[in-house]
Amino acid sequence: MRLEKHHHFMEVSMKTLLRRVVLVAIPVTCLIIVACSHSQSQETSVARGPSDAPLCEQLSGHNAIPTFYAEKLPEQRQQIARVRQASLPADYAQRIDTAFVAILKDTDSRKISSMFTPAGSVVCGMINARNSFGGYTGPQPFMGYFDPQGQVTFLQSYSSQELVKLRRMACPPGNFRYVEYVLMRSCGLD
């Protein structure tokens, strides 16, 4: 008789434990599924839209610009126009290479390819170099531009994660990465 009570108690305890696990597991699983689908929908919401639609409307779905950013927008538009109107120095490829030497950890490993100039002093291309672990990163897009005196003003390579981050940080117009993003789009990186 005592053995039957113990067996019955174990059976009830296992049923109770199983119910508790199921009650916790189902909501947690649903939460994970919702969170993952939300992050995927955010990433797909920055997908390329019609080229004539305003940039940040494509990214955020609205066109309201906070006053703080609106005040910076005219200056940023002037900066974009200056870069697009500036001319490249004749030795721009060598200057880009020299600028990467100053940036990279393993300068001898750099392999620059597919360099082109879409507009003004904007230079785009691909770079592959070793990271701090000694392995090659794989080809990554880069974008840079020159000032009117022919000096490299900006140079950045982008991993896929950095491109997603830049898209999210570019808006609203007037934000500190807006100029970078607009010029990067001229490279076809978006």
N, C-alpha and C. Protein backbone atom coordinates (compact mmCIF):
# COMPACT_ATOMS: atom_id res chain seq x y z
N MET A 1 0.82 -1.19 0.00
CA MET A 1 0.00 0.00 0.00
C MET A 1 0.87 1.26 0.00
N ARG A 2 1.89 1.25 0.79
CA ARG A 2 2.76 2.41 0.88
C ARG A 2 3.47 2.67 -0.46
N LEU A 3 3.88 1.64 -1.14
CA LEU A 3 4.52 1.75 -2.43
C LEU A 3 3.56 2.34 -3.46
N GLU A 4 2.29 2.00 -3.39
CA GLU A 4 1.30 2.55 -4.31
C GLU A 4 1.13 4.04 -4.08
N LYS A 5 1.12 4.49 -2.82
CA LYS A 5 0.99 5.92 -2.52
C LYS A 5 2.19 6.69 -3.09
N HIS A 6 3.38 6.11 -2.90
CA HIS A 6 4.59 6.77 -3.40
C HIS A 6 4.54 6.87 -4.93
N HIS A 7 4.12 5.77 -5.58
CA HIS A 7 4.01 5.77 -7.03
C HIS A 7 2.99 6.80 -7.51
N HIS A 8 1.85 6.88 -6.80
CA HIS A 8 0.81 7.86 -7.14
C HIS A 8 1.34 9.29 -6.94
N PHE A 9 2.08 9.51 -5.86
CA PHE A 9 2.65 10.83 -5.60
C PHE A 9 3.64 11.22 -6.70
N MET A 10 4.48 10.28 -7.13
CA MET A 10 5.45 10.55 -8.20
C MET A 10 4.72 10.86 -9.50
N GLU A 11 3.64 10.15 -9.77
CA GLU A 11 2.88 10.37 -10.99
C GLU A 11 2.25 11.76 -10.98
N VAL A 12 1.68 12.17 -9.85
CA VAL A 12 1.07 13.49 -9.72
C VAL A 12 2.14 14.57 -9.82
N SER A 13 3.27 14.37 -9.19
CA SER A 13 4.35 15.35 -9.24
C SER A 13 4.87 15.53 -10.66
N MET A 14 5.03 14.43 -11.38
CA MET A 14 5.49 14.51 -12.76
C MET A 14 4.47 15.24 -13.63
N LYS A 15 3.19 14.97 -13.42
CA LYS A 15 2.15 15.66 -14.19
C LYS A 15 2.17 17.15 -13.89
N THR A 16 2.31 17.49 -12.62
CA THR A 16 2.34 18.89 -12.21
C THR A 16 3.56 19.58 -12.81
N LEU A 17 4.71 18.92 -12.73
CA LEU A 17 5.93 19.48 -13.29
C LEU A 17 5.80 19.68 -14.81
N LEU A 18 5.25 18.69 -15.48
CA LEU A 18 5.05 18.79 -16.91
C LEU A 18 4.13 19.94 -17.27
N ARG A 19 3.05 20.12 -16.54
CA ARG A 19 2.13 21.24 -16.78
C ARG A 19 2.85 22.58 -16.61
N ARG A 20 3.66 22.68 -15.56
CA ARG A 20 4.38 23.94 -15.31
C ARG A 20 5.37 24.24 -16.43
N VAL A 21 6.07 23.21 -16.88
CA VAL A 21 7.02 23.41 -17.96
C VAL A 21 6.29 23.87 -19.22
N VAL A 22 5.17 23.22 -19.52
CA VAL A 22 4.40 23.58 -20.71
C VAL A 22 3.86 25.00 -20.57
N LEU A 23 3.38 25.37 -19.39
CA LEU A 23 2.83 26.71 -19.18
C LEU A 23 3.89 27.79 -19.32
N VAL A 24 5.12 27.47 -18.99
CA VAL A 24 6.20 28.44 -19.13
C VAL A 24 6.76 28.40 -20.56
N ALA A 25 6.93 27.21 -21.11
CA ALA A 25 7.58 27.07 -22.41
C ALA A 25 6.78 27.70 -23.55
N ILE A 26 5.47 27.55 -23.52
CA ILE A 26 4.66 28.08 -24.62
C ILE A 26 4.75 29.60 -24.70
N PRO A 27 4.53 30.34 -23.60
CA PRO A 27 4.66 31.81 -23.72
C PRO A 27 6.08 32.26 -24.10
N VAL A 28 7.10 31.59 -23.57
CA VAL A 28 8.48 31.97 -23.89
C VAL A 28 8.74 31.73 -25.37
N THR A 29 8.30 30.60 -25.89
CA THR A 29 8.47 30.30 -27.31
C THR A 29 7.75 31.33 -28.16
N CYS A 30 6.54 31.67 -27.79
CA CYS A 30 5.79 32.69 -28.54
C CYS A 30 6.50 34.03 -28.50
N LEU A 31 7.04 34.39 -27.34
CA LEU A 31 7.77 35.64 -27.20
C LEU A 31 9.00 35.66 -28.11
N ILE A 32 9.72 34.55 -28.17
CA ILE A 32 10.90 34.46 -29.02
C ILE A 32 10.50 34.58 -30.49
N ILE A 33 9.44 33.91 -30.88
CA ILE A 33 8.99 33.96 -32.27
C ILE A 33 8.58 35.37 -32.65
N VAL A 34 7.85 36.04 -31.77
CA VAL A 34 7.41 37.41 -32.05
C VAL A 34 8.60 38.34 -32.13
N ALA A 35 9.56 38.19 -31.20
CA ALA A 35 10.73 39.06 -31.21
C ALA A 35 11.56 38.86 -32.47
N CYS A 36 11.75 37.61 -32.87
CA CYS A 36 12.53 37.34 -34.08
C CYS A 36 11.83 37.87 -35.33
N SER A 37 10.55 37.67 -35.42
CA SER A 37 9.84 38.16 -36.60
C SER A 37 9.82 39.68 -36.62
N HIS A 38 9.79 40.32 -35.42
CA HIS A 38 9.83 41.78 -35.36
C HIS A 38 11.17 42.30 -35.86
N SER A 39 12.28 41.66 -35.42
CA SER A 39 13.60 42.14 -35.85
C SER A 39 13.79 41.89 -37.34
N GLN A 40 13.26 40.79 -37.88
CA GLN A 40 13.36 40.55 -39.31
C GLN A 40 12.54 41.57 -40.08
N SER A 41 11.37 41.92 -39.57
CA SER A 41 10.55 42.90 -40.28
C SER A 41 11.20 44.27 -40.25
N GLN A 42 11.94 44.58 -39.16
CA GLN A 42 12.65 45.86 -39.12
C GLN A 42 13.75 45.87 -40.17
N GLU A 43 14.48 44.75 -40.31
CA GLU A 43 15.55 44.73 -41.28
C GLU A 43 15.01 44.78 -42.70
N THR A 44 13.90 44.12 -42.94
CA THR A 44 13.37 44.15 -44.29
C THR A 44 12.67 45.47 -44.58
N SER A 45 12.32 46.22 -43.54
CA SER A 45 11.65 47.50 -43.79
C SER A 45 12.61 48.53 -44.38
N VAL A 46 13.92 48.30 -44.28
CA VAL A 46 14.87 49.23 -44.86
C VAL A 46 15.28 48.82 -46.27
N ALA A 47 14.56 47.88 -46.84
CA ALA A 47 14.88 47.44 -48.19
C ALA A 47 14.71 48.59 -49.17
N ARG A 48 15.37 48.45 -50.28
CA ARG A 48 15.36 49.50 -51.30
C ARG A 48 13.94 49.74 -51.81
N GLY A 49 13.58 50.99 -51.87
CA GLY A 49 12.27 51.37 -52.38
C GLY A 49 12.44 52.15 -53.66
N PRO A 50 11.37 52.75 -54.13
CA PRO A 50 11.47 53.55 -55.36
C PRO A 50 12.48 54.67 -55.16
N SER A 51 13.32 54.91 -56.16
CA SER A 51 14.40 55.87 -56.01
C SER A 51 13.91 57.31 -55.88
N ASP A 52 12.69 57.61 -56.33
CA ASP A 52 12.22 58.97 -56.23
C ASP A 52 11.56 59.27 -54.87
N ALA A 53 11.36 58.25 -54.03
CA ALA A 53 10.79 58.48 -52.70
C ALA A 53 11.87 59.06 -51.79
N PRO A 54 11.50 60.01 -50.93
CA PRO A 54 12.49 60.57 -50.01
C PRO A 54 13.12 59.46 -49.16
N LEU A 55 14.42 59.59 -48.96
CA LEU A 55 15.20 58.56 -48.30
C LEU A 55 14.61 58.10 -46.98
N CYS A 56 14.33 59.00 -46.09
CA CYS A 56 13.90 58.60 -44.76
C CYS A 56 12.45 58.13 -44.73
N GLU A 57 11.65 58.52 -45.70
CA GLU A 57 10.31 57.95 -45.78
C GLU A 57 10.41 56.48 -46.12
N GLN A 58 11.38 56.11 -46.96
CA GLN A 58 11.59 54.70 -47.28
C GLN A 58 12.00 53.94 -46.04
N LEU A 59 12.85 54.56 -45.21
CA LEU A 59 13.39 53.86 -44.06
C LEU A 59 12.44 53.81 -42.88
N SER A 60 11.72 54.88 -42.63
CA SER A 60 10.94 54.94 -41.41
C SER A 60 9.45 55.00 -41.62
N GLY A 61 9.01 55.27 -42.81
CA GLY A 61 7.58 55.31 -43.06
C GLY A 61 6.93 56.63 -42.69
N HIS A 62 7.71 57.63 -42.30
CA HIS A 62 7.14 58.93 -41.99
C HIS A 62 8.08 60.02 -42.48
N ASN A 63 7.58 61.24 -42.56
CA ASN A 63 8.43 62.31 -43.07
C ASN A 63 8.57 63.47 -42.11
N ALA A 64 8.16 63.30 -40.88
CA ALA A 64 8.31 64.38 -39.89
C ALA A 64 9.76 64.43 -39.44
N ILE A 65 10.35 65.62 -39.46
CA ILE A 65 11.74 65.79 -39.03
C ILE A 65 11.73 66.64 -37.77
N PRO A 66 12.27 66.12 -36.66
CA PRO A 66 12.34 66.92 -35.44
C PRO A 66 13.14 68.20 -35.68
N THR A 67 12.80 69.25 -34.98
CA THR A 67 13.41 70.56 -35.15
C THR A 67 14.93 70.50 -35.02
N PHE A 68 15.41 69.75 -34.06
CA PHE A 68 16.86 69.64 -33.84
C PHE A 68 17.57 69.19 -35.11
N TYR A 69 17.01 68.20 -35.80
CA TYR A 69 17.63 67.69 -37.02
C TYR A 69 17.36 68.61 -38.20
N ALA A 70 16.19 69.20 -38.25
CA ALA A 70 15.83 70.09 -39.37
C ALA A 70 16.80 71.28 -39.45
N GLU A 71 17.30 71.74 -38.31
CA GLU A 71 18.24 72.85 -38.30
C GLU A 71 19.57 72.47 -38.94
N LYS A 72 19.96 71.21 -38.86
CA LYS A 72 21.23 70.74 -39.41
C LYS A 72 21.13 70.36 -40.89
N LEU A 73 19.93 70.14 -41.37
CA LEU A 73 19.72 69.63 -42.72
C LEU A 73 20.27 70.54 -43.83
N PRO A 74 20.06 71.86 -43.81
CA PRO A 74 20.62 72.69 -44.89
C PRO A 74 22.14 72.58 -45.01
N GLU A 75 22.82 72.58 -43.87
CA GLU A 75 24.28 72.44 -43.88
C GLU A 75 24.70 71.08 -44.43
N GLN A 76 23.96 70.03 -44.08
CA GLN A 76 24.29 68.70 -44.59
C GLN A 76 24.05 68.60 -46.09
N ARG A 77 22.99 69.20 -46.56
CA ARG A 77 22.72 69.19 -48.00
C ARG A 77 23.81 69.94 -48.76
N GLN A 78 24.31 71.03 -48.17
CA GLN A 78 25.42 71.76 -48.80
C GLN A 78 26.67 70.90 -48.84
N GLN A 79 26.93 70.17 -47.76
CA GLN A 79 28.10 69.30 -47.72
C GLN A 79 28.00 68.21 -48.79
N ILE A 80 26.82 67.62 -48.94
CA ILE A 80 26.61 66.59 -49.97
C ILE A 80 26.85 67.19 -51.36
N ALA A 81 26.32 68.39 -51.60
CA ALA A 81 26.50 69.05 -52.89
C ALA A 81 27.97 69.34 -53.15
N ARG A 82 28.71 69.81 -52.13
CA ARG A 82 30.15 70.09 -52.31
C ARG A 82 30.92 68.82 -52.70
N VAL A 83 30.61 67.73 -52.03
CA VAL A 83 31.30 66.46 -52.33
C VAL A 83 30.96 65.99 -53.74
N ARG A 84 29.71 66.13 -54.13
CA ARG A 84 29.30 65.68 -55.47
C ARG A 84 29.84 66.58 -56.58
N GLN A 85 30.15 67.84 -56.25
CA GLN A 85 30.66 68.77 -57.26
C GLN A 85 32.19 68.81 -57.30
N ALA A 86 32.84 68.34 -56.24
CA ALA A 86 34.30 68.38 -56.18
C ALA A 86 34.89 67.40 -57.19
N SER A 87 36.09 67.71 -57.63
CA SER A 87 36.75 66.81 -58.57
C SER A 87 37.77 65.94 -57.82
N LEU A 88 38.03 64.81 -58.41
CA LEU A 88 38.99 63.87 -57.83
C LEU A 88 40.41 64.26 -58.19
N PRO A 89 41.36 64.03 -57.28
CA PRO A 89 42.76 64.21 -57.68
C PRO A 89 43.13 63.09 -58.67
N ALA A 90 44.10 63.35 -59.51
CA ALA A 90 44.50 62.36 -60.52
C ALA A 90 44.98 61.05 -59.89
N ASP A 91 45.60 61.15 -58.74
CA ASP A 91 46.13 59.96 -58.06
C ASP A 91 45.20 59.49 -56.93
N TYR A 92 43.89 59.59 -57.14
CA TYR A 92 42.93 59.25 -56.09
C TYR A 92 43.07 57.81 -55.58
N ALA A 93 43.37 56.87 -56.48
CA ALA A 93 43.49 55.47 -56.06
C ALA A 93 44.66 55.31 -55.08
N GLN A 94 45.77 55.96 -55.37
CA GLN A 94 46.93 55.89 -54.47
C GLN A 94 46.60 56.55 -53.13
N ARG A 95 45.87 57.64 -53.15
CA ARG A 95 45.51 58.32 -51.90
C ARG A 95 44.56 57.48 -51.04
N ILE A 96 43.64 56.77 -51.69
CA ILE A 96 42.75 55.86 -50.96
C ILE A 96 43.57 54.75 -50.33
N ASP A 97 44.50 54.19 -51.10
CA ASP A 97 45.36 53.12 -50.60
C ASP A 97 46.17 53.60 -49.39
N THR A 98 46.73 54.79 -49.50
CA THR A 98 47.52 55.37 -48.40
C THR A 98 46.65 55.60 -47.16
N ALA A 99 45.41 56.03 -47.36
CA ALA A 99 44.51 56.24 -46.23
C ALA A 99 44.17 54.91 -45.55
N PHE A 100 44.01 53.85 -46.32
CA PHE A 100 43.76 52.54 -45.71
C PHE A 100 44.96 52.06 -44.91
N VAL A 101 46.17 52.39 -45.36
CA VAL A 101 47.37 52.02 -44.60
C VAL A 101 47.31 52.62 -43.20
N ALA A 102 46.79 53.83 -43.08
CA ALA A 102 46.70 54.49 -41.78
C ALA A 102 45.60 53.88 -40.90
N ILE A 103 44.62 53.21 -41.51
CA ILE A 103 43.47 52.69 -40.77
C ILE A 103 43.62 51.23 -40.37
N LEU A 104 44.12 50.41 -41.27
CA LEU A 104 44.12 48.95 -41.09
C LEU A 104 45.14 48.48 -40.06
N LYS A 105 44.83 47.36 -39.42
CA LYS A 105 45.76 46.76 -38.45
C LYS A 105 46.89 46.03 -39.15
N ASP A 106 46.57 45.29 -40.22
CA ASP A 106 47.58 44.57 -41.00
C ASP A 106 47.60 45.20 -42.39
N THR A 107 48.41 46.23 -42.54
CA THR A 107 48.39 47.01 -43.77
C THR A 107 48.89 46.24 -44.99
N ASP A 108 49.78 45.26 -44.78
CA ASP A 108 50.32 44.51 -45.91
C ASP A 108 49.31 43.53 -46.51
N SER A 109 48.23 43.26 -45.80
CA SER A 109 47.26 42.27 -46.27
C SER A 109 46.16 42.87 -47.14
N ARG A 110 46.13 44.18 -47.29
CA ARG A 110 45.01 44.83 -47.98
C ARG A 110 44.97 44.48 -49.46
N LYS A 111 43.75 44.23 -49.93
CA LYS A 111 43.51 43.96 -51.35
C LYS A 111 42.32 44.81 -51.76
N ILE A 112 42.58 45.88 -52.48
CA ILE A 112 41.53 46.79 -52.92
C ILE A 112 41.15 46.43 -54.35
N SER A 113 39.85 46.35 -54.60
CA SER A 113 39.38 45.98 -55.94
C SER A 113 38.11 46.74 -56.28
N SER A 114 37.74 46.66 -57.52
CA SER A 114 36.47 47.21 -58.02
C SER A 114 36.28 48.67 -57.67
N MET A 115 37.34 49.46 -57.72
CA MET A 115 37.21 50.87 -57.37
C MET A 115 36.54 51.63 -58.51
N PHE A 116 35.56 52.48 -58.16
CA PHE A 116 34.89 53.32 -59.15
C PHE A 116 34.47 54.63 -58.52
N THR A 117 34.13 55.60 -59.35
CA THR A 117 33.79 56.95 -58.89
C THR A 117 32.41 57.32 -59.43
N PRO A 118 31.36 57.19 -58.62
CA PRO A 118 30.01 57.44 -59.12
C PRO A 118 29.66 58.92 -59.30
N ALA A 119 30.22 59.79 -58.47
CA ALA A 119 29.85 61.21 -58.56
C ALA A 119 30.86 62.06 -57.82
N GLY A 120 31.27 63.16 -58.44
CA GLY A 120 32.14 64.11 -57.76
C GLY A 120 33.39 63.46 -57.22
N SER A 121 33.65 63.67 -55.93
CA SER A 121 34.85 63.12 -55.31
C SER A 121 34.56 61.86 -54.51
N VAL A 122 33.42 61.23 -54.74
CA VAL A 122 33.07 59.98 -54.05
C VAL A 122 33.78 58.82 -54.74
N VAL A 123 34.42 57.97 -53.94
CA VAL A 123 35.11 56.78 -54.43
C VAL A 123 34.52 55.57 -53.72
N CYS A 124 34.20 54.54 -54.48
CA CYS A 124 33.63 53.32 -53.93
C CYS A 124 34.47 52.14 -54.38
N GLY A 125 34.37 51.05 -53.67
CA GLY A 125 35.08 49.84 -54.06
C GLY A 125 34.93 48.75 -53.04
N MET A 126 35.80 47.76 -53.15
CA MET A 126 35.80 46.63 -52.23
C MET A 126 37.20 46.51 -51.64
N ILE A 127 37.26 46.10 -50.37
CA ILE A 127 38.55 45.85 -49.72
C ILE A 127 38.46 44.55 -48.94
N ASN A 128 39.56 43.82 -48.97
CA ASN A 128 39.69 42.61 -48.18
C ASN A 128 41.00 42.72 -47.44
N ALA A 129 40.97 42.53 -46.14
CA ALA A 129 42.19 42.63 -45.33
C ALA A 129 42.06 41.71 -44.14
N ARG A 130 43.17 41.44 -43.51
CA ARG A 130 43.15 40.59 -42.31
C ARG A 130 42.63 41.39 -41.13
N ASN A 131 41.87 40.71 -40.28
CA ASN A 131 41.40 41.32 -39.04
C ASN A 131 42.40 41.04 -37.92
N SER A 132 42.06 41.39 -36.71
CA SER A 132 42.98 41.22 -35.58
C SER A 132 43.20 39.76 -35.23
N PHE A 133 42.37 38.84 -35.73
CA PHE A 133 42.57 37.41 -35.50
C PHE A 133 43.47 36.78 -36.56
N GLY A 134 43.86 37.55 -37.58
CA GLY A 134 44.74 37.05 -38.61
C GLY A 134 44.04 36.48 -39.83
N GLY A 135 42.71 36.43 -39.80
CA GLY A 135 41.96 35.91 -40.93
C GLY A 135 41.44 37.03 -41.81
N TYR A 136 41.26 36.72 -43.08
CA TYR A 136 40.70 37.73 -43.99
C TYR A 136 39.21 37.92 -43.69
N THR A 137 38.76 39.14 -43.77
CA THR A 137 37.36 39.47 -43.47
C THR A 137 36.44 39.08 -44.62
N GLY A 138 36.99 38.93 -45.79
CA GLY A 138 36.19 38.76 -46.99
C GLY A 138 35.98 40.14 -47.59
N PRO A 139 35.70 40.20 -48.88
CA PRO A 139 35.52 41.52 -49.50
C PRO A 139 34.40 42.32 -48.84
N GLN A 140 34.72 43.54 -48.48
CA GLN A 140 33.73 44.44 -47.88
C GLN A 140 33.69 45.73 -48.69
N PRO A 141 32.49 46.28 -48.89
CA PRO A 141 32.41 47.54 -49.63
C PRO A 141 33.02 48.69 -48.82
N PHE A 142 33.54 49.66 -49.52
CA PHE A 142 34.00 50.87 -48.84
C PHE A 142 33.54 52.09 -49.62
N MET A 143 33.53 53.22 -48.93
CA MET A 143 33.17 54.50 -49.54
C MET A 143 34.06 55.56 -48.92
N GLY A 144 34.52 56.47 -49.74
CA GLY A 144 35.31 57.59 -49.25
C GLY A 144 35.07 58.79 -50.14
N TYR A 145 35.50 59.95 -49.65
CA TYR A 145 35.43 61.14 -50.49
C TYR A 145 36.53 62.11 -50.11
N PHE A 146 36.78 63.04 -51.03
CA PHE A 146 37.88 63.98 -50.91
C PHE A 146 37.36 65.39 -50.68
N ASP A 147 38.21 66.23 -50.07
CA ASP A 147 37.89 67.66 -49.95
C ASP A 147 38.41 68.37 -51.21
N PRO A 148 38.11 69.65 -51.37
CA PRO A 148 38.55 70.36 -52.59
C PRO A 148 40.07 70.40 -52.76
N GLN A 149 40.84 70.25 -51.68
CA GLN A 149 42.30 70.24 -51.78
C GLN A 149 42.85 68.86 -52.15
N GLY A 150 42.00 67.86 -52.31
CA GLY A 150 42.43 66.53 -52.71
C GLY A 150 42.82 65.61 -51.57
N GLN A 151 42.46 65.98 -50.36
CA GLN A 151 42.75 65.12 -49.20
C GLN A 151 41.56 64.21 -48.92
N VAL A 152 41.84 62.99 -48.51
CA VAL A 152 40.77 62.06 -48.14
C VAL A 152 40.11 62.61 -46.88
N THR A 153 38.84 62.95 -46.99
CA THR A 153 38.09 63.51 -45.86
C THR A 153 37.39 62.41 -45.07
N PHE A 154 36.94 61.40 -45.78
CA PHE A 154 36.18 60.32 -45.16
C PHE A 154 36.52 59.03 -45.88
N LEU A 155 36.71 57.94 -45.11
CA LEU A 155 36.94 56.62 -45.69
C LEU A 155 36.44 55.58 -44.70
N GLN A 156 35.55 54.71 -45.15
CA GLN A 156 34.96 53.71 -44.26
C GLN A 156 34.66 52.45 -45.05
N SER A 157 35.03 51.29 -44.48
CA SER A 157 34.57 50.02 -45.06
C SER A 157 33.41 49.53 -44.21
N TYR A 158 32.55 48.72 -44.81
CA TYR A 158 31.30 48.33 -44.16
C TYR A 158 31.09 46.82 -44.18
N SER A 159 30.93 46.24 -42.99
CA SER A 159 30.46 44.86 -42.93
C SER A 159 28.95 44.89 -43.15
N SER A 160 28.34 43.75 -43.35
CA SER A 160 26.89 43.74 -43.56
C SER A 160 26.16 44.28 -42.33
N GLN A 161 26.67 43.99 -41.13
CA GLN A 161 26.05 44.52 -39.91
C GLN A 161 26.18 46.03 -39.83
N GLU A 162 27.33 46.56 -40.26
CA GLU A 162 27.52 48.01 -40.24
C GLU A 162 26.60 48.71 -41.23
N LEU A 163 26.32 48.07 -42.37
CA LEU A 163 25.39 48.67 -43.33
C LEU A 163 23.99 48.76 -42.75
N VAL A 164 23.56 47.70 -42.06
CA VAL A 164 22.24 47.71 -41.44
C VAL A 164 22.19 48.80 -40.36
N LYS A 165 23.24 48.89 -39.57
CA LYS A 165 23.30 49.91 -38.52
C LYS A 165 23.27 51.32 -39.11
N LEU A 166 23.99 51.52 -40.20
CA LEU A 166 24.01 52.84 -40.84
C LEU A 166 22.63 53.20 -41.36
N ARG A 167 21.94 52.25 -41.96
CA ARG A 167 20.58 52.53 -42.47
C ARG A 167 19.68 52.99 -41.34
N ARG A 168 19.80 52.35 -40.19
CA ARG A 168 18.95 52.69 -39.05
C ARG A 168 19.32 54.04 -38.45
N MET A 169 20.60 54.39 -38.52
CA MET A 169 21.05 55.62 -37.88
C MET A 169 20.99 56.83 -38.80
N ALA A 170 20.72 56.62 -40.08
CA ALA A 170 20.77 57.70 -41.05
C ALA A 170 19.62 58.68 -40.93
N CYS A 171 18.53 58.25 -40.39
CA CYS A 171 17.34 59.09 -40.35
C CYS A 171 16.98 59.46 -38.94
N PRO A 172 16.35 60.56 -38.74
CA PRO A 172 15.82 61.49 -39.73
C PRO A 172 16.94 62.31 -40.38
N PRO A 173 16.64 62.94 -41.54
CA PRO A 173 17.64 63.81 -42.14
C PRO A 173 18.10 64.84 -41.11
N GLY A 174 19.37 65.12 -41.11
CA GLY A 174 19.94 66.00 -40.10
C GLY A 174 20.70 65.20 -39.05
N ASN A 175 20.43 63.90 -38.98
CA ASN A 175 21.15 63.03 -38.06
C ASN A 175 22.61 63.00 -38.48
N PHE A 176 23.50 62.68 -37.56
CA PHE A 176 24.93 62.82 -37.82
C PHE A 176 25.45 61.86 -38.89
N ARG A 177 24.75 60.78 -39.23
CA ARG A 177 25.22 59.86 -40.26
C ARG A 177 24.45 60.00 -41.57
N TYR A 178 23.63 61.02 -41.68
CA TYR A 178 22.81 61.21 -42.87
C TYR A 178 23.68 61.46 -44.10
N VAL A 179 24.67 62.32 -44.01
CA VAL A 179 25.55 62.64 -45.15
C VAL A 179 26.25 61.37 -45.62
N GLU A 180 26.79 60.62 -44.68
CA GLU A 180 27.48 59.37 -45.01
C GLU A 180 26.54 58.42 -45.76
N TYR A 181 25.32 58.31 -45.28
CA TYR A 181 24.38 57.37 -45.90
C TYR A 181 23.97 57.81 -47.30
N VAL A 182 23.71 59.09 -47.47
CA VAL A 182 23.32 59.58 -48.81
C VAL A 182 24.44 59.34 -49.81
N LEU A 183 25.69 59.62 -49.41
CA LEU A 183 26.81 59.41 -50.32
C LEU A 183 27.08 57.93 -50.53
N MET A 184 26.88 57.12 -49.51
CA MET A 184 27.06 55.68 -49.64
C MET A 184 26.06 55.08 -50.64
N ARG A 185 24.86 55.65 -50.66
CA ARG A 185 23.84 55.17 -51.62
C ARG A 185 24.28 55.41 -53.05
N SER A 186 25.08 56.45 -53.29
CA SER A 186 25.55 56.69 -54.66
C SER A 186 26.51 55.59 -55.11
N CYS A 187 27.07 54.85 -54.16
CA CYS A 187 27.93 53.70 -54.49
C CYS A 187 27.11 52.46 -54.81
N GLY A 188 25.81 52.54 -54.59
CA GLY A 188 24.97 51.37 -54.82
C GLY A 188 25.03 50.37 -53.68
N LEU A 189 25.44 50.83 -52.51
CA LEU A 189 25.59 49.92 -51.36
C LEU A 189 24.30 49.73 -50.57
N ASP A 190 23.24 50.37 -50.98
CA ASP A 190 22.00 50.20 -50.25
C ASP A 190 21.02 49.39 -51.08
